C-alpha cells in the first residue's frame, strides 16, 4: 500500500516586535504566501490577522506591530 502524501505546506518563522516593546518569537506564516516582489511584507499582514483572531478569542487585543523579522536558523 502506498504511503499517504503529506501536505506540501511549509512554514516560515518570524520574530515580531510590537510598538510597546514586547516581542513574540516563532510566529508561523505559510511559505507559499511569501516571496515574489513583496518579499516578506505579506507576513506582517498574516500575523496581524492572527493577532486579531487571538484578540477576539482572548478578549485582550494585541498591540500594533512595529517590525517583523524572519527567524534565522
PDB file of N, CA and C in Angstrom:
ATOM      1  N   UNK A   1       0.847  -1.178   0.000  1.00  0.00           N
ATOM      2  CA  UNK A   1       0.000   0.000   0.000  1.00  0.00           C
ATOM      3  C   UNK A   1       0.891   1.239   0.000  1.00  0.00           C
ATOM      4  N   UNK A   2       0.545   2.201  -0.802  1.00  0.00           N
ATOM      5  CA  UNK A   2       1.336   3.421  -0.924  1.00  0.00           C
ATOM      6  C   UNK A   2       1.152   4.315   0.298  1.00  0.00           C
ATOM      7  N   UNK A   3       2.222   5.033   0.630  1.00  0.00           N
ATOM      8  CA  UNK A   3       2.143   5.967   1.764  1.00  0.00           C
ATOM      9  C   UNK A   3       1.333   7.196   1.362  1.00  0.00           C
ATOM     10  N   UNK A   4       0.632   7.748   2.331  1.00  0.00           N
ATOM     11  CA  UNK A   4      -0.103   8.987   2.082  1.00  0.00           C
ATOM     12  C   UNK A   4       0.889  10.132   1.953  1.00  0.00           C
ATOM     13  N   UNK A   5       0.605  11.030   1.056  1.00  0.00           N
ATOM     14  CA  UNK A   5       1.458  12.215   0.900  1.00  0.00           C
ATOM     15  C   UNK A   5       1.117  13.217   1.979  1.00  0.00           C
ATOM     16  N   UNK A   6       2.137  13.784   2.526  1.00  0.00           N
ATOM     17  CA  UNK A   6       1.918  14.859   3.493  1.00  0.00           C
ATOM     18  C   UNK A   6       1.548  16.132   2.757  1.00  0.00           C
ATOM     19  N   UNK A   7       0.848  16.967   3.456  1.00  0.00           N
ATOM     20  CA  UNK A   7       0.508  18.259   2.883  1.00  0.00           C
ATOM     21  C   UNK A   7       1.807  18.994   2.570  1.00  0.00           C
ATOM     22  N   UNK A   8       1.911  19.558   1.404  1.00  0.00           N
ATOM     23  CA  UNK A   8       3.136  20.205   0.950  1.00  0.00           C
ATOM     24  C   UNK A   8       3.302  21.619   1.518  1.00  0.00           C
ATOM     25  N   UNK A   9       2.707  21.904   2.648  1.00  0.00           N
ATOM     26  CA  UNK A   9       2.801  23.245   3.208  1.00  0.00           C
ATOM     27  C   UNK A   9       4.036  23.356   4.100  1.00  0.00           C
ATOM     28  N   UNK A  10       4.769  24.420   3.899  1.00  0.00           N
ATOM     29  CA  UNK A  10       5.916  24.706   4.743  1.00  0.00           C
ATOM     30  C   UNK A  10       5.660  26.041   5.432  1.00  0.00           C
ATOM     31  N   UNK A  11       6.210  26.174   6.607  1.00  0.00           N
ATOM     32  CA  UNK A  11       6.038  27.405   7.361  1.00  0.00           C
ATOM     33  C   UNK A  11       7.374  28.120   7.501  1.00  0.00           C
ATOM     34  N   UNK A  12       7.294  29.432   7.584  1.00  0.00           N
ATOM     35  CA  UNK A  12       8.456  30.265   7.855  1.00  0.00           C
ATOM     36  C   UNK A  12       8.199  30.922   9.202  1.00  0.00           C
ATOM     37  N   UNK A  13       9.219  30.954  10.054  1.00  0.00           N
ATOM     38  CA  UNK A  13       9.083  31.524  11.391  1.00  0.00           C
ATOM     39  C   UNK A  13       9.542  32.973  11.406  1.00  0.00           C
ATOM     40  N   UNK A  14       8.821  33.795  12.185  1.00  0.00           N
ATOM     41  CA  UNK A  14       9.147  35.214  12.296  1.00  0.00           C
ATOM     42  C   UNK A  14       9.185  35.644  13.753  1.00  0.00           C
ATOM     43  N   UNK A  15      10.053  36.608  14.053  1.00  0.00           N
ATOM     44  CA  UNK A  15      10.046  37.307  15.336  1.00  0.00           C
ATOM     45  C   UNK A  15       9.299  38.611  15.118  1.00  0.00           C
ATOM     46  N   UNK A  16       8.374  38.922  16.024  1.00  0.00           N
ATOM     47  CA  UNK A  16       7.537  40.116  15.891  1.00  0.00           C
ATOM     48  C   UNK A  16       7.822  41.054  17.052  1.00  0.00           C
ATOM     49  N   UNK A  17       8.102  42.314  16.720  1.00  0.00           N
ATOM     50  CA  UNK A  17       8.309  43.348  17.731  1.00  0.00           C
ATOM     51  C   UNK A  17       7.115  44.300  17.670  1.00  0.00           C
ATOM     52  N   UNK A  18       6.533  44.571  18.835  1.00  0.00           N
ATOM     53  CA  UNK A  18       5.381  45.467  18.914  1.00  0.00           C
ATOM     54  C   UNK A  18       5.843  46.858  19.328  1.00  0.00           C
ATOM     55  N   UNK A  19       5.002  47.856  19.088  1.00  0.00           N
ATOM     56  CA  UNK A  19       5.326  49.245  19.394  1.00  0.00           C
ATOM     57  C   UNK A  19       5.629  49.437  20.882  1.00  0.00           C
ATOM     58  N   UNK A  20       4.955  48.669  21.757  1.00  0.00           N
ATOM     59  CA  UNK A  20       5.173  48.825  23.196  1.00  0.00           C
ATOM     60  C   UNK A  20       6.453  48.132  23.682  1.00  0.00           C
ATOM     61  N   UNK A  21       7.206  47.510  22.757  1.00  0.00           N
ATOM     62  CA  UNK A  21       8.475  46.893  23.115  1.00  0.00           C
ATOM     63  C   UNK A  21       8.420  45.389  23.348  1.00  0.00           C
ATOM     64  N   UNK A  22       7.233  44.813  23.395  1.00  0.00           N
ATOM     65  CA  UNK A  22       7.144  43.371  23.592  1.00  0.00           C
ATOM     66  C   UNK A  22       7.542  42.650  22.300  1.00  0.00           C
ATOM     67  N   UNK A  23       8.045  41.438  22.464  1.00  0.00           N
ATOM     68  CA  UNK A  23       8.499  40.634  21.330  1.00  0.00           C
ATOM     69  C   UNK A  23       7.886  39.243  21.437  1.00  0.00           C
ATOM     70  N   UNK A  24       7.406  38.717  20.324  1.00  0.00           N
ATOM     71  CA  UNK A  24       6.979  37.325  20.272  1.00  0.00           C
ATOM     72  C   UNK A  24       7.837  36.620  19.238  1.00  0.00           C
ATOM     73  N   UNK A  25       8.170  35.373  19.512  1.00  0.00           N
ATOM     74  CA  UNK A  25       9.050  34.612  18.633  1.00  0.00           C
ATOM     75  C   UNK A  25       8.306  33.449  18.002  1.00  0.00           C
ATOM     76  N   UNK A  26       8.874  32.987  16.911  1.00  0.00           N
ATOM     77  CA  UNK A  26       8.403  31.780  16.233  1.00  0.00           C
ATOM     78  C   UNK A  26       6.950  31.850  15.781  1.00  0.00           C
ATOM     79  N   UNK A  27       6.554  32.981  15.238  1.00  0.00           N
ATOM     80  CA  UNK A  27       5.215  33.095  14.661  1.00  0.00           C
ATOM     81  C   UNK A  27       5.252  32.472  13.279  1.00  0.00           C
ATOM     82  N   UNK A  28       4.316  31.572  12.991  1.00  0.00           N
ATOM     83  CA  UNK A  28       4.304  30.816  11.746  1.00  0.00           C
ATOM     84  C   UNK A  28       3.492  31.516  10.666  1.00  0.00           C
ATOM     85  N   UNK A  29       4.067  31.531   9.453  1.00  0.00           N
ATOM     86  CA  UNK A  29       3.390  32.045   8.264  1.00  0.00           C
ATOM     87  C   UNK A  29       3.641  31.041   7.146  1.00  0.00           C
ATOM     88  N   UNK A  30       2.626  30.739   6.369  1.00  0.00           N
ATOM     89  CA  UNK A  30       2.784  29.811   5.256  1.00  0.00           C
ATOM     90  C   UNK A  30       3.833  30.336   4.274  1.00  0.00           C
ATOM     91  N   UNK A  31       4.745  29.473   3.899  1.00  0.00           N
ATOM     92  CA  UNK A  31       5.794  29.849   2.959  1.00  0.00           C
ATOM     93  C   UNK A  31       5.251  30.232   1.596  1.00  0.00           C
ATOM     94  N   UNK A  32       4.117  29.676   1.218  1.00  0.00           N
ATOM     95  CA  UNK A  32       3.526  29.981  -0.088  1.00  0.00           C
ATOM     96  C   UNK A  32       3.044  31.426  -0.182  1.00  0.00           C
ATOM     97  N   UNK A  33       2.863  32.096   0.953  1.00  0.00           N
ATOM     98  CA  UNK A  33       2.422  33.492   0.958  1.00  0.00           C
ATOM     99  C   UNK A  33       3.579  34.447   0.708  1.00  0.00           C
ATOM    100  N   UNK A  34       4.799  33.981   0.853  1.00  0.00           N
ATOM    101  CA  UNK A  34       5.976  34.839   0.803  1.00  0.00           C
ATOM    102  C   UNK A  34       6.685  34.741  -0.533  1.00  0.00           C
ATOM    103  N   UNK A  35       7.592  35.678  -0.744  1.00  0.00           N
ATOM    104  CA  UNK A  35       8.381  35.673  -1.968  1.00  0.00           C
ATOM    105  C   UNK A  35       7.811  36.637  -2.980  1.00  0.00           C
ATOM    106  N   UNK A  36       8.267  36.512  -4.180  1.00  0.00           N
ATOM    107  CA  UNK A  36       7.809  37.411  -5.232  1.00  0.00           C
ATOM    108  C   UNK A  36       8.313  38.824  -5.010  1.00  0.00           C
ATOM    109  N   UNK A  37       7.636  39.785  -5.560  1.00  0.00           N
ATOM    110  CA  UNK A  37       8.060  41.179  -5.468  1.00  0.00           C
ATOM    111  C   UNK A  37       7.883  41.756  -4.070  1.00  0.00           C
ATOM    112  N   UNK A  38       6.933  41.216  -3.300  1.00  0.00           N
ATOM    113  CA  UNK A  38       6.655  41.743  -1.967  1.00  0.00           C
ATOM    114  C   UNK A  38       7.586  41.186  -0.903  1.00  0.00           C
ATOM    115  N   UNK A  39       8.329  40.136  -1.181  1.00  0.00           N
ATOM    116  CA  UNK A  39       9.239  39.559  -0.198  1.00  0.00           C
ATOM    117  C   UNK A  39       8.499  39.078   1.033  1.00  0.00           C
ATOM    118  N   UNK A  40       8.910  39.564   2.209  1.00  0.00           N
ATOM    119  CA  UNK A  40       8.300  39.140   3.468  1.00  0.00           C
ATOM    120  C   UNK A  40       7.169  40.065   3.926  1.00  0.00           C
ATOM    121  N   UNK A  41       6.815  41.057   3.138  1.00  0.00           N
ATOM    122  CA  UNK A  41       5.762  42.004   3.522  1.00  0.00           C
ATOM    123  C   UNK A  41       4.412  41.321   3.790  1.00  0.00           C
ATOM    124  N   UNK A  42       4.008  40.306   3.026  1.00  0.00           N
ATOM    125  CA  UNK A  42       2.736  39.633   3.329  1.00  0.00           C
ATOM    126  C   UNK A  42       2.722  38.969   4.709  1.00  0.00           C
ATOM    127  N   UNK A  43       3.890  38.681   5.277  1.00  0.00           N
ATOM    128  CA  UNK A  43       3.951  38.057   6.603  1.00  0.00           C
ATOM    129  C   UNK A  43       3.368  38.986   7.653  1.00  0.00           C
ATOM    130  N   UNK A  44       3.621  40.270   7.530  1.00  0.00           N
ATOM    131  CA  UNK A  44       3.092  41.230   8.509  1.00  0.00           C
ATOM    132  C   UNK A  44       1.569  41.222   8.493  1.00  0.00           C
ATOM    133  N   UNK A  45       0.981  41.207   7.312  1.00  0.00           N
ATOM    134  CA  UNK A  45      -0.481  41.177   7.203  1.00  0.00           C
ATOM    135  C   UNK A  45      -1.040  39.875   7.770  1.00  0.00           C
ATOM    136  N   UNK A  46      -0.361  38.756   7.514  1.00  0.00           N
ATOM    137  CA  UNK A  46      -0.818  37.468   8.028  1.00  0.00           C
ATOM    138  C   UNK A  46      -0.740  37.431   9.545  1.00  0.00           C
ATOM    139  N   UNK A  47       0.330  37.971  10.114  1.00  0.00           N
ATOM    140  CA  UNK A  47       0.485  37.984  11.569  1.00  0.00           C
ATOM    141  C   UNK A  47      -0.516  38.938  12.209  1.00  0.00           C
ATOM    142  N   UNK A  48      -0.805  40.063  11.556  1.00  0.00           N
ATOM    143  CA  UNK A  48      -1.837  40.976  12.065  1.00  0.00           C
ATOM    144  C   UNK A  48      -3.195  40.271  12.095  1.00  0.00           C
ATOM    145  N   UNK A  49      -3.497  39.476  11.083  1.00  0.00           N
ATOM    146  CA  UNK A  49      -4.760  38.722  11.056  1.00  0.00           C
ATOM    147  C   UNK A  49      -4.787  37.692  12.188  1.00  0.00           C
ATOM    148  N   UNK A  50      -3.654  37.021  12.419  1.00  0.00           N
ATOM    149  CA  UNK A  50      -3.569  36.073  13.538  1.00  0.00           C
ATOM    150  C   UNK A  50      -3.812  36.796  14.861  1.00  0.00           C
ATOM    151  N   UNK A  51      -3.206  37.990  15.009  1.00  0.00           N
ATOM    152  CA  UNK A  51      -3.368  38.766  16.243  1.00  0.00           C
ATOM    153  C   UNK A  51      -4.815  39.160  16.480  1.00  0.00           C
ATOM    154  N   UNK A  52      -5.532  39.514  15.398  1.00  0.00           N
ATOM    155  CA  UNK A  52      -6.953  39.860  15.537  1.00  0.00           C
ATOM    156  C   UNK A  52      -7.744  38.664  16.054  1.00  0.00           C
ATOM    157  N   UNK A  53      -7.471  37.478  15.501  1.00  0.00           N
ATOM    158  CA  UNK A  53      -8.168  36.270  15.948  1.00  0.00           C
ATOM    159  C   UNK A  53      -7.842  35.956  17.408  1.00  0.00           C
ATOM    160  N   UNK A  54      -6.579  36.096  17.778  1.00  0.00           N
ATOM    161  CA  UNK A  54      -6.167  35.842  19.156  1.00  0.00           C
ATOM    162  C   UNK A  54      -6.846  36.841  20.087  1.00  0.00           C
ATOM    163  N   UNK A  55      -6.904  38.102  19.678  1.00  0.00           N
ATOM    164  CA  UNK A  55      -7.541  39.132  20.489  1.00  0.00           C
ATOM    165  C   UNK A  55      -9.027  38.887  20.684  1.00  0.00           C
ATOM    166  N   UNK A  56      -9.704  38.445  19.637  1.00  0.00           N
ATOM    167  CA  UNK A  56     -11.131  38.146  19.755  1.00  0.00           C
ATOM    168  C   UNK A  56     -11.373  36.960  20.680  1.00  0.00           C
ATOM    169  N   UNK A  57     -10.533  35.943  20.559  1.00  0.00           N
ATOM    170  CA  UNK A  57     -10.702  34.747  21.381  1.00  0.00           C
ATOM    171  C   UNK A  57     -10.389  35.011  22.851  1.00  0.00           C
ATOM    172  N   UNK A  58      -9.385  35.850  23.113  1.00  0.00           N
ATOM    173  CA  UNK A  58      -8.959  36.074  24.495  1.00  0.00           C
ATOM    174  C   UNK A  58      -9.635  37.273  25.144  1.00  0.00           C
ATOM    175  N   UNK A  59     -10.198  38.162  24.316  1.00  0.00           N
ATOM    176  CA  UNK A  59     -10.802  39.368  24.862  1.00  0.00           C
ATOM    177  C   UNK A  59      -9.778  40.460  25.162  1.00  0.00           C
ATOM    178  N   UNK A  60      -8.523  40.225  24.801  1.00  0.00           N
ATOM    179  CA  UNK A  60      -7.444  41.203  25.015  1.00  0.00           C
ATOM    180  C   UNK A  60      -6.758  41.458  23.682  1.00  0.00           C
ATOM    181  N   UNK A  61      -7.002  42.606  23.066  1.00  0.00           N
ATOM    182  CA  UNK A  61      -6.405  42.875  21.754  1.00  0.00           C
ATOM    183  C   UNK A  61      -4.882  42.986  21.835  1.00  0.00           C
ATOM    184  N   UNK A  62      -4.220  42.560  20.786  1.00  0.00           N
ATOM    185  CA  UNK A  62      -2.767  42.650  20.714  1.00  0.00           C
ATOM    186  C   UNK A  62      -2.383  44.064  20.318  1.00  0.00           C
ATOM    187  N   UNK A  63      -1.124  44.416  20.551  1.00  0.00           N
ATOM    188  CA  UNK A  63      -0.634  45.745  20.216  1.00  0.00           C
ATOM    189  C   UNK A  63      -0.369  45.897  18.727  1.00  0.00           C
ATOM    190  N   UNK A  64       0.090  47.082  18.364  1.00  0.00           N
ATOM    191  CA  UNK A  64       0.413  47.396  16.983  1.00  0.00           C
ATOM    192  C   UNK A  64       1.814  46.862  16.678  1.00  0.00           C
ATOM    193  N   UNK A  65       1.972  46.224  15.531  1.00  0.00           N
ATOM    194  CA  UNK A  65       3.252  45.639  15.143  1.00  0.00           C
ATOM    195  C   UNK A  65       4.193  46.727  14.653  1.00  0.00           C
ATOM    196  N   UNK A  66       5.390  46.741  15.220  1.00  0.00           N
ATOM    197  CA  UNK A  66       6.431  47.685  14.807  1.00  0.00           C
ATOM    198  C   UNK A  66       7.270  47.087  13.681  1.00  0.00           C
ATOM    199  N   UNK A  67       7.715  45.829  13.858  1.00  0.00           N
ATOM    200  CA  UNK A  67       8.523  45.197  12.821  1.00  0.00           C
ATOM    201  C   UNK A  67       8.372  43.690  12.859  1.00  0.00           C
ATOM    202  N   UNK A  68       8.671  43.080  11.723  1.00  0.00           N
ATOM    203  CA  UNK A  68       8.621  41.631  11.574  1.00  0.00           C
ATOM    204  C   UNK A  68       9.950  41.215  10.953  1.00  0.00           C
ATOM    205  N   UNK A  69      10.628  40.243  11.566  1.00  0.00           N
ATOM    206  CA  UNK A  69      11.922  39.776  11.062  1.00  0.00           C
ATOM    207  C   UNK A  69      11.895  38.266  10.917  1.00  0.00           C
ATOM    208  N   UNK A  70      12.362  37.799   9.768  1.00  0.00           N
ATOM    209  CA  UNK A  70      12.425  36.356   9.520  1.00  0.00           C
ATOM    210  C   UNK A  70      13.420  35.724  10.489  1.00  0.00           C
ATOM    211  N   UNK A  71      13.032  34.614  11.064  1.00  0.00           N
ATOM    212  CA  UNK A  71      13.872  33.885  12.015  1.00  0.00           C
ATOM    213  C   UNK A  71      15.005  33.226  11.265  1.00  0.00           C
ATOM    214  N   UNK A  72      16.211  33.445  11.721  1.00  0.00           N
ATOM    215  CA  UNK A  72      17.388  32.818  11.091  1.00  0.00           C
ATOM    216  C   UNK A  72      17.664  31.503  11.776  1.00  0.00           C
ATOM    217  N   UNK A  73      17.856  30.471  10.976  1.00  0.00           N
ATOM    218  CA  UNK A  73      18.081  29.138  11.527  1.00  0.00           C
ATOM    219  C   UNK A  73      19.540  28.893  11.740  1.00  0.00           C
TER     220      UNK A  73
END
